[in-house]
């Protein structure tokens, strides 16, 4: 499939997604897929390798650990389950009954909903099919699913329609996650996901960032906000004191979940 992706940002995003979806891909296959020269692909891969998204191994381009975590929603849901459950328990105490809560496509939100099983009703706004499915048989909570282009790897909607939908709603609380943190900025590997996260923060009164300890060792390409824009940050018990201090220095309230 020759896509003739001439725009550098679009092409590198396509390369990253291709490798993450397939696990490993040859440079030759990526050149055919994008419609550019081998030399251009080598430069793109080098840039993505420097960003910590991909790396070369035995003649193939493979997904780095940070990218692999974004491969599919079902995969991410199973990762760091203990840490996510710790965080979810701490987050539940921050959600007043009757609140409207915005949930992004991160799987941490699913764990929060599971901890809310016996809570008072809330209104949920989300672009995540996983979140919607979690509420299928839970009639106490109201659910608004945002429209947009469905991305199967994320089990979520994204794109201009999703952004437009978000401009028409407002929530009390936004629960959001990040793939990586660097220099006081939060990141995600994909621009369209980052755009939705940024708009969700903008469309909510209070933003709560959910981070497990692994996120501090990862890097990603697209920023969607500053730690200074976040009101509360909830981390798991394995987060180092150094990382907790870094978060506190941003000015946000930091909660370390109990083990």
C-alpha atoms as a PDB file:
ATOM      1  CA  UNK A   1       0.000   0.000   0.000  1.00  0.00           C
ATOM      2  CA  UNK A   2       1.689   3.187  -1.218  1.00  0.00           C
ATOM      3  CA  UNK A   3       0.267   6.067   0.788  1.00  0.00           C
ATOM      4  CA  UNK A   4       2.594   8.831  -0.522  1.00  0.00           C
ATOM      5  CA  UNK A   5       2.747  10.501   2.871  1.00  0.00           C
ATOM      6  CA  UNK A   6       4.866  13.549   2.157  1.00  0.00           C
ATOM      7  CA  UNK A   7       4.104  15.513   5.325  1.00  0.00           C
ATOM      8  CA  UNK A   8       6.791  14.641   7.887  1.00  0.00           C
ATOM      9  CA  UNK A   9       4.586  14.729  10.995  1.00  0.00           C
ATOM     10  CA  UNK A  10       1.808  12.719   9.355  1.00  0.00           C
ATOM     11  CA  UNK A  11       4.291  10.210   7.959  1.00  0.00           C
ATOM     12  CA  UNK A  12       6.088   9.640  11.263  1.00  0.00           C
ATOM     13  CA  UNK A  13       2.786   9.192  13.026  1.00  0.00           C
ATOM     14  CA  UNK A  14       1.767   6.636  10.372  1.00  0.00           C
ATOM     15  CA  UNK A  15       5.081   4.792  10.786  1.00  0.00           C
ATOM     16  CA  UNK A  16       4.717   4.668  14.574  1.00  0.00           C
ATOM     17  CA  UNK A  17       1.156   3.365  14.370  1.00  0.00           C
ATOM     18  CA  UNK A  18       2.114   0.783  11.727  1.00  0.00           C
ATOM     19  CA  UNK A  19       4.939  -0.628  13.845  1.00  0.00           C
ATOM     20  CA  UNK A  20       2.911  -0.604  17.063  1.00  0.00           C
ATOM     21  CA  UNK A  21       0.001  -2.397  15.387  1.00  0.00           C
ATOM     22  CA  UNK A  22       2.215  -5.069  13.769  1.00  0.00           C
ATOM     23  CA  UNK A  23       4.873  -5.425  16.481  1.00  0.00           C
ATOM     24  CA  UNK A  24       7.770  -5.297  14.018  1.00  0.00           C
ATOM     25  CA  UNK A  25       8.149  -4.057  10.437  1.00  0.00           C
ATOM     26  CA  UNK A  26      11.094  -3.884   8.033  1.00  0.00           C
ATOM     27  CA  UNK A  27      12.357  -0.522   6.751  1.00  0.00           C
ATOM     28  CA  UNK A  28      11.603  -1.706   3.218  1.00  0.00           C
ATOM     29  CA  UNK A  29       7.972  -2.387   4.128  1.00  0.00           C
ATOM     30  CA  UNK A  30       7.701   1.044   5.756  1.00  0.00           C
ATOM     31  CA  UNK A  31       9.087   2.688   2.612  1.00  0.00           C
ATOM     32  CA  UNK A  32       6.464   0.918   0.517  1.00  0.00           C
ATOM     33  CA  UNK A  33       3.729   1.768   3.008  1.00  0.00           C
ATOM     34  CA  UNK A  34       4.551   5.492   3.144  1.00  0.00           C
ATOM     35  CA  UNK A  35       5.667   5.944  -0.457  1.00  0.00           C
ATOM     36  CA  UNK A  36       8.989   7.576   0.382  1.00  0.00           C
ATOM     37  CA  UNK A  37      12.635   6.570  -0.006  1.00  0.00           C
ATOM     38  CA  UNK A  38      14.524   4.200   2.290  1.00  0.00           C
ATOM     39  CA  UNK A  39      16.748   7.080   3.377  1.00  0.00           C
ATOM     40  CA  UNK A  40      13.710   9.118   4.426  1.00  0.00           C
ATOM     41  CA  UNK A  41      12.332   6.181   6.406  1.00  0.00           C
ATOM     42  CA  UNK A  42      15.688   5.712   8.143  1.00  0.00           C
ATOM     43  CA  UNK A  43      15.611   9.379   9.186  1.00  0.00           C
ATOM     44  CA  UNK A  44      12.024   9.056  10.419  1.00  0.00           C
ATOM     45  CA  UNK A  45      12.824   5.912  12.390  1.00  0.00           C
ATOM     46  CA  UNK A  46      15.867   7.613  13.927  1.00  0.00           C
ATOM     47  CA  UNK A  47      13.678  10.511  15.055  1.00  0.00           C
ATOM     48  CA  UNK A  48      11.068   8.143  16.516  1.00  0.00           C
ATOM     49  CA  UNK A  49      13.831   6.142  18.187  1.00  0.00           C
ATOM     50  CA  UNK A  50      15.150   9.336  19.777  1.00  0.00           C
ATOM     51  CA  UNK A  51      11.651  10.055  21.088  1.00  0.00           C
ATOM     52  CA  UNK A  52      11.521   6.611  22.715  1.00  0.00           C
ATOM     53  CA  UNK A  53       8.654   5.367  20.534  1.00  0.00           C
ATOM     54  CA  UNK A  54      10.433   2.806  18.341  1.00  0.00           C
ATOM     55  CA  UNK A  55      13.815   1.132  18.085  1.00  0.00           C
ATOM     56  CA  UNK A  56      15.695  -1.058  15.621  1.00  0.00           C
ATOM     57  CA  UNK A  57      16.326  -4.701  16.502  1.00  0.00           C
ATOM     58  CA  UNK A  58      17.872  -7.375  14.268  1.00  0.00           C
ATOM     59  CA  UNK A  59      17.113  -5.494  11.090  1.00  0.00           C
ATOM     60  CA  UNK A  60      13.513  -4.734  12.040  1.00  0.00           C
ATOM     61  CA  UNK A  61      11.804  -1.671  13.447  1.00  0.00           C
ATOM     62  CA  UNK A  62       9.977  -2.617  16.654  1.00  0.00           C
ATOM     63  CA  UNK A  63       7.803  -0.826  19.193  1.00  0.00           C
ATOM     64  CA  UNK A  64       9.511   0.435  22.324  1.00  0.00           C
ATOM     65  CA  UNK A  65       7.901  -0.284  25.700  1.00  0.00           C
ATOM     66  CA  UNK A  66       6.110   3.067  25.770  1.00  0.00           C
ATOM     67  CA  UNK A  67       4.644   2.522  22.330  1.00  0.00           C
ATOM     68  CA  UNK A  68       3.628  -1.041  23.081  1.00  0.00           C
ATOM     69  CA  UNK A  69       1.522   0.192  25.984  1.00  0.00           C
ATOM     70  CA  UNK A  70      -0.563   2.126  23.469  1.00  0.00           C
ATOM     71  CA  UNK A  71      -0.967  -0.806  21.062  1.00  0.00           C
ATOM     72  CA  UNK A  72      -4.504  -1.838  21.974  1.00  0.00           C
ATOM     73  CA  UNK A  73      -6.968  -0.902  24.674  1.00  0.00           C
ATOM     74  CA  UNK A  74      -7.439  -4.539  25.680  1.00  0.00           C
ATOM     75  CA  UNK A  75      -3.688  -4.934  26.167  1.00  0.00           C
ATOM     76  CA  UNK A  76      -3.410  -1.765  28.257  1.00  0.00           C
ATOM     77  CA  UNK A  77      -6.365  -2.749  30.435  1.00  0.00           C
ATOM     78  CA  UNK A  78      -4.410  -5.765  31.712  1.00  0.00           C
ATOM     79  CA  UNK A  79      -1.155  -3.900  32.391  1.00  0.00           C
ATOM     80  CA  UNK A  80      -0.211  -2.576  35.860  1.00  0.00           C
ATOM     81  CA  UNK A  81      -3.601  -3.735  37.176  1.00  0.00           C
ATOM     82  CA  UNK A  82      -2.553  -3.516  40.838  1.00  0.00           C
ATOM     83  CA  UNK A  83      -1.292   0.046  40.423  1.00  0.00           C
ATOM     84  CA  UNK A  84      -4.395   1.136  38.519  1.00  0.00           C
ATOM     85  CA  UNK A  85      -6.651  -0.338  41.184  1.00  0.00           C
ATOM     86  CA  UNK A  86      -4.737   1.546  43.893  1.00  0.00           C
ATOM     87  CA  UNK A  87      -5.131   4.787  41.958  1.00  0.00           C
ATOM     88  CA  UNK A  88      -8.817   4.134  41.301  1.00  0.00           C
ATOM     89  CA  UNK A  89      -9.547   3.663  45.002  1.00  0.00           C
ATOM     90  CA  UNK A  90      -7.927   7.025  45.760  1.00  0.00           C
ATOM     91  CA  UNK A  91      -9.752   8.771  42.916  1.00  0.00           C
ATOM     92  CA  UNK A  92     -13.211   7.595  43.982  1.00  0.00           C
ATOM     93  CA  UNK A  93     -12.914   9.657  47.167  1.00  0.00           C
ATOM     94  CA  UNK A  94     -12.490  12.780  44.999  1.00  0.00           C
ATOM     95  CA  UNK A  95     -15.754  12.364  43.063  1.00  0.00           C
ATOM     96  CA  UNK A  96     -18.813  13.873  44.819  1.00  0.00           C
ATOM     97  CA  UNK A  97     -22.204  12.206  44.254  1.00  0.00           C
ATOM     98  CA  UNK A  98     -24.038  13.597  41.248  1.00  0.00           C
ATOM     99  CA  UNK A  99     -20.886  14.852  39.535  1.00  0.00           C
ATOM    100  CA  UNK A 100     -20.426  14.936  35.784  1.00  0.00           C
ATOM    101  CA  UNK A 101     -17.183  13.143  34.974  1.00  0.00           C
ATOM    102  CA  UNK A 102     -15.204  13.211  31.724  1.00  0.00           C
ATOM    103  CA  UNK A 103     -13.204  10.026  31.011  1.00  0.00           C
ATOM    104  CA  UNK A 104     -10.656   9.734  28.200  1.00  0.00           C
ATOM    105  CA  UNK A 105      -9.611   6.576  26.354  1.00  0.00           C
ATOM    106  CA  UNK A 106      -7.078   5.550  29.017  1.00  0.00           C
ATOM    107  CA  UNK A 107      -7.863   2.260  30.737  1.00  0.00           C
ATOM    108  CA  UNK A 108      -7.362   3.831  34.174  1.00  0.00           C
ATOM    109  CA  UNK A 109     -10.885   5.237  33.843  1.00  0.00           C
ATOM    110  CA  UNK A 110     -12.329   1.734  33.579  1.00  0.00           C
ATOM    111  CA  UNK A 111     -10.753   0.834  36.919  1.00  0.00           C
ATOM    112  CA  UNK A 112     -12.246   3.969  38.472  1.00  0.00           C
ATOM    113  CA  UNK A 113     -15.713   2.959  37.281  1.00  0.00           C
ATOM    114  CA  UNK A 114     -15.274  -0.470  38.833  1.00  0.00           C
ATOM    115  CA  UNK A 115     -14.489   1.144  42.168  1.00  0.00           C
ATOM    116  CA  UNK A 116     -17.601   3.316  41.776  1.00  0.00           C
ATOM    117  CA  UNK A 117     -19.818   0.233  41.606  1.00  0.00           C
ATOM    118  CA  UNK A 118     -21.556   0.976  44.910  1.00  0.00           C
ATOM    119  CA  UNK A 119     -21.411   4.772  44.732  1.00  0.00           C
ATOM    120  CA  UNK A 120     -24.137   7.353  44.188  1.00  0.00           C
ATOM    121  CA  UNK A 121     -25.067   8.081  40.544  1.00  0.00           C
ATOM    122  CA  UNK A 122     -22.805  10.206  38.366  1.00  0.00           C
ATOM    123  CA  UNK A 123     -22.966  11.423  34.754  1.00  0.00           C
ATOM    124  CA  UNK A 124     -20.204  10.050  32.524  1.00  0.00           C
ATOM    125  CA  UNK A 125     -18.959  11.684  29.324  1.00  0.00           C
ATOM    126  CA  UNK A 126     -16.457   9.645  27.318  1.00  0.00           C
ATOM    127  CA  UNK A 127     -15.002   8.799  23.931  1.00  0.00           C
ATOM    128  CA  UNK A 128     -14.053   5.303  25.141  1.00  0.00           C
ATOM    129  CA  UNK A 129     -15.995   2.225  24.130  1.00  0.00           C
ATOM    130  CA  UNK A 130     -14.415   0.352  27.041  1.00  0.00           C
ATOM    131  CA  UNK A 131     -15.914   2.880  29.447  1.00  0.00           C
ATOM    132  CA  UNK A 132     -19.280   2.678  27.683  1.00  0.00           C
ATOM    133  CA  UNK A 133     -19.267  -1.114  27.873  1.00  0.00           C
ATOM    134  CA  UNK A 134     -18.426  -0.948  31.567  1.00  0.00           C
ATOM    135  CA  UNK A 135     -21.655   0.991  32.087  1.00  0.00           C
ATOM    136  CA  UNK A 136     -23.872  -1.149  29.806  1.00  0.00           C
ATOM    137  CA  UNK A 137     -25.627  -2.867  32.692  1.00  0.00           C
ATOM    138  CA  UNK A 138     -25.205  -0.041  35.198  1.00  0.00           C
ATOM    139  CA  UNK A 139     -28.413   1.984  34.922  1.00  0.00           C
ATOM    140  CA  UNK A 140     -27.673   4.234  37.919  1.00  0.00           C
ATOM    141  CA  UNK A 141     -25.117   6.289  35.986  1.00  0.00           C
ATOM    142  CA  UNK A 142     -25.991   8.338  32.909  1.00  0.00           C
ATOM    143  CA  UNK A 143     -23.734   8.010  29.872  1.00  0.00           C
ATOM    144  CA  UNK A 144     -22.889  10.351  26.996  1.00  0.00           C
ATOM    145  CA  UNK A 145     -20.649   8.838  24.311  1.00  0.00           C
ATOM    146  CA  UNK A 146     -18.817  11.355  22.140  1.00  0.00           C
ATOM    147  CA  UNK A 147     -19.028  10.924  18.383  1.00  0.00           C
ATOM    148  CA  UNK A 148     -16.123  10.868  15.996  1.00  0.00           C
ATOM    149  CA  UNK A 149     -13.921   8.555  13.957  1.00  0.00           C
ATOM    150  CA  UNK A 150     -13.660   5.197  15.699  1.00  0.00           C
ATOM    151  CA  UNK A 151     -10.105   3.942  16.242  1.00  0.00           C
ATOM    152  CA  UNK A 152     -10.174   0.206  16.967  1.00  0.00           C
ATOM    153  CA  UNK A 153      -6.689   0.043  18.551  1.00  0.00           C
ATOM    154  CA  UNK A 154      -7.861   2.499  21.228  1.00  0.00           C
ATOM    155  CA  UNK A 155     -11.501   1.378  21.308  1.00  0.00           C
ATOM    156  CA  UNK A 156     -12.363   5.085  21.230  1.00  0.00           C
ATOM    157  CA  UNK A 157     -13.542   7.924  19.011  1.00  0.00           C
ATOM    158  CA  UNK A 158     -11.203  10.717  17.941  1.00  0.00           C
ATOM    159  CA  UNK A 159     -10.780  13.468  15.386  1.00  0.00           C
ATOM    160  CA  UNK A 160     -12.571  16.738  14.524  1.00  0.00           C
ATOM    161  CA  UNK A 161     -16.071  15.456  15.328  1.00  0.00           C
ATOM    162  CA  UNK A 162     -14.978  14.373  18.811  1.00  0.00           C
ATOM    163  CA  UNK A 163     -13.396  17.785  19.390  1.00  0.00           C
ATOM    164  CA  UNK A 164     -16.599  19.491  18.178  1.00  0.00           C
ATOM    165  CA  UNK A 165     -18.698  17.344  20.541  1.00  0.00           C
ATOM    166  CA  UNK A 166     -16.458  18.346  23.442  1.00  0.00           C
ATOM    167  CA  UNK A 167     -16.971  22.020  22.674  1.00  0.00           C
ATOM    168  CA  UNK A 168     -20.685  21.530  23.345  1.00  0.00           C
ATOM    169  CA  UNK A 169     -20.340  19.934  26.805  1.00  0.00           C
ATOM    170  CA  UNK A 170     -18.839  20.787  30.179  1.00  0.00           C
ATOM    171  CA  UNK A 171     -17.986  18.483  33.084  1.00  0.00           C
ATOM    172  CA  UNK A 172     -17.269  18.926  36.770  1.00  0.00           C
ATOM    173  CA  UNK A 173     -14.271  16.579  36.686  1.00  0.00           C
ATOM    174  CA  UNK A 174     -11.926  15.294  34.005  1.00  0.00           C
ATOM    175  CA  UNK A 175     -10.072  12.030  34.679  1.00  0.00           C
ATOM    176  CA  UNK A 176      -7.152  11.726  32.318  1.00  0.00           C
ATOM    177  CA  UNK A 177      -3.920   9.799  31.919  1.00  0.00           C
ATOM    178  CA  UNK A 178      -0.621  10.394  30.115  1.00  0.00           C
ATOM    179  CA  UNK A 179       1.850   8.137  28.352  1.00  0.00           C
ATOM    180  CA  UNK A 180       4.875  10.096  29.465  1.00  0.00           C
ATOM    181  CA  UNK A 181       6.092  13.165  31.352  1.00  0.00           C
ATOM    182  CA  UNK A 182       9.030  15.402  30.546  1.00  0.00           C
ATOM    183  CA  UNK A 183      10.017  18.845  31.828  1.00  0.00           C
ATOM    184  CA  UNK A 184       6.652  19.524  33.416  1.00  0.00           C
ATOM    185  CA  UNK A 185       4.712  18.551  30.280  1.00  0.00           C
ATOM    186  CA  UNK A 186       2.423  15.547  29.701  1.00  0.00           C
ATOM    187  CA  UNK A 187       2.601  13.587  26.447  1.00  0.00           C
ATOM    188  CA  UNK A 188       0.944  10.925  24.295  1.00  0.00           C
ATOM    189  CA  UNK A 189       2.378   9.116  21.229  1.00  0.00           C
ATOM    190  CA  UNK A 190      -0.475  10.194  18.914  1.00  0.00           C
ATOM    191  CA  UNK A 191      -1.509  13.730  17.980  1.00  0.00           C
ATOM    192  CA  UNK A 192      -5.230  12.959  17.650  1.00  0.00           C
ATOM    193  CA  UNK A 193      -5.359  11.392  21.114  1.00  0.00           C
ATOM    194  CA  UNK A 194      -3.424  14.306  22.597  1.00  0.00           C
ATOM    195  CA  UNK A 195      -5.870  16.761  21.006  1.00  0.00           C
ATOM    196  CA  UNK A 196      -8.858  15.032  22.629  1.00  0.00           C
ATOM    197  CA  UNK A 197      -7.164  14.975  26.023  1.00  0.00           C
ATOM    198  CA  UNK A 198      -6.347  18.688  25.783  1.00  0.00           C
ATOM    199  CA  UNK A 199      -9.948  19.548  24.867  1.00  0.00           C
ATOM    200  CA  UNK A 200     -11.292  17.400  27.716  1.00  0.00           C
ATOM    201  CA  UNK A 201      -9.139  19.333  30.181  1.00  0.00           C
ATOM    202  CA  UNK A 202     -10.402  22.588  28.703  1.00  0.00           C
ATOM    203  CA  UNK A 203     -14.025  21.408  28.968  1.00  0.00           C
ATOM    204  CA  UNK A 204     -13.871  20.526  32.683  1.00  0.00           C
ATOM    205  CA  UNK A 205     -13.779  22.470  35.947  1.00  0.00           C
ATOM    206  CA  UNK A 206     -11.293  20.135  37.645  1.00  0.00           C
ATOM    207  CA  UNK A 207      -8.609  17.969  36.044  1.00  0.00           C
ATOM    208  CA  UNK A 208      -7.310  14.873  37.830  1.00  0.00           C
ATOM    209  CA  UNK A 209      -4.273  13.230  36.264  1.00  0.00           C
ATOM    210  CA  UNK A 210      -3.847   9.489  36.881  1.00  0.00           C
ATOM    211  CA  UNK A 211      -0.273   8.188  36.689  1.00  0.00           C
ATOM    212  CA  UNK A 212       1.272   4.864  37.610  1.00  0.00           C
ATOM    213  CA  UNK A 213       4.997   4.671  38.322  1.00  0.00           C
ATOM    214  CA  UNK A 214       5.900   3.360  34.859  1.00  0.00           C
ATOM    215  CA  UNK A 215       4.869   6.608  33.144  1.00  0.00           C
ATOM    216  CA  UNK A 216       7.851   8.476  34.570  1.00  0.00           C
ATOM    217  CA  UNK A 217      10.279   6.327  32.566  1.00  0.00           C
ATOM    218  CA  UNK A 218       8.592   6.799  29.201  1.00  0.00           C
ATOM    219  CA  UNK A 219       8.651   9.374  26.464  1.00  0.00           C
ATOM    220  CA  UNK A 220       6.073  10.268  23.831  1.00  0.00           C
ATOM    221  CA  UNK A 221       5.786  12.740  20.976  1.00  0.00           C
ATOM    222  CA  UNK A 222       2.759  14.993  21.436  1.00  0.00           C
ATOM    223  CA  UNK A 223       2.088  17.272  24.389  1.00  0.00           C
ATOM    224  CA  UNK A 224      -1.441  17.961  25.585  1.00  0.00           C
ATOM    225  CA  UNK A 225      -0.829  20.073  28.654  1.00  0.00           C
ATOM    226  CA  UNK A 226       1.398  21.155  31.489  1.00  0.00           C
ATOM    227  CA  UNK A 227       1.474  19.710  34.980  1.00  0.00           C
ATOM    228  CA  UNK A 228       0.707  23.264  36.085  1.00  0.00           C
ATOM    229  CA  UNK A 229      -2.662  22.958  34.276  1.00  0.00           C
ATOM    230  CA  UNK A 230      -3.630  19.952  36.413  1.00  0.00           C
ATOM    231  CA  UNK A 231      -5.468  20.355  39.732  1.00  0.00           C
ATOM    232  CA  UNK A 232      -4.847  16.933  41.312  1.00  0.00           C
ATOM    233  CA  UNK A 233      -2.367  14.183  40.440  1.00  0.00           C
ATOM    234  CA  UNK A 234      -2.931  10.661  41.772  1.00  0.00           C
ATOM    235  CA  UNK A 235      -0.032   8.186  41.651  1.00  0.00           C
ATOM    236  CA  UNK A 236       0.443   4.624  42.837  1.00  0.00           C
ATOM    237  CA  UNK A 237       2.464   3.568  45.878  1.00  0.00           C
ATOM    238  CA  UNK A 238       5.463   2.498  43.771  1.00  0.00           C
ATOM    239  CA  UNK A 239       6.114   6.032  42.557  1.00  0.00           C
ATOM    240  CA  UNK A 240       9.501   7.235  43.775  1.00  0.00           C
ATOM    241  CA  UNK A 241       9.881  10.100  46.254  1.00  0.00           C
ATOM    242  CA  UNK A 242      11.853  11.979  43.610  1.00  0.00           C
ATOM    243  CA  UNK A 243       8.997  11.739  41.109  1.00  0.00           C
ATOM    244  CA  UNK A 244       6.427  12.739  43.751  1.00  0.00           C
ATOM    245  CA  UNK A 245       8.512  15.779  44.608  1.00  0.00           C
ATOM    246  CA  UNK A 246       8.761  16.715  40.934  1.00  0.00           C
ATOM    247  CA  UNK A 247       4.967  16.603  40.674  1.00  0.00           C
ATOM    248  CA  UNK A 248       4.525  18.650  43.844  1.00  0.00           C
ATOM    249  CA  UNK A 249       6.869  21.288  42.467  1.00  0.00           C
ATOM    250  CA  UNK A 250       4.368  21.851  39.639  1.00  0.00           C
ATOM    251  CA  UNK A 251       1.897  23.260  42.157  1.00  0.00           C
ATOM    252  CA  UNK A 252      -0.687  20.504  41.826  1.00  0.00           C
ATOM    253  CA  UNK A 253      -2.075  18.579  44.767  1.00  0.00           C
ATOM    254  CA  UNK A 254      -0.420  15.146  44.730  1.00  0.00           C
ATOM    255  CA  UNK A 255      -2.045  12.072  46.249  1.00  0.00           C
ATOM    256  CA  UNK A 256      -0.051   8.858  46.663  1.00  0.00           C
ATOM    257  CA  UNK A 257      -2.450   5.912  46.652  1.00  0.00           C
ATOM    258  CA  UNK A 258      -2.204   3.384  49.451  1.00  0.00           C
ATOM    259  CA  UNK A 259      -0.874  -0.107  48.618  1.00  0.00           C
END
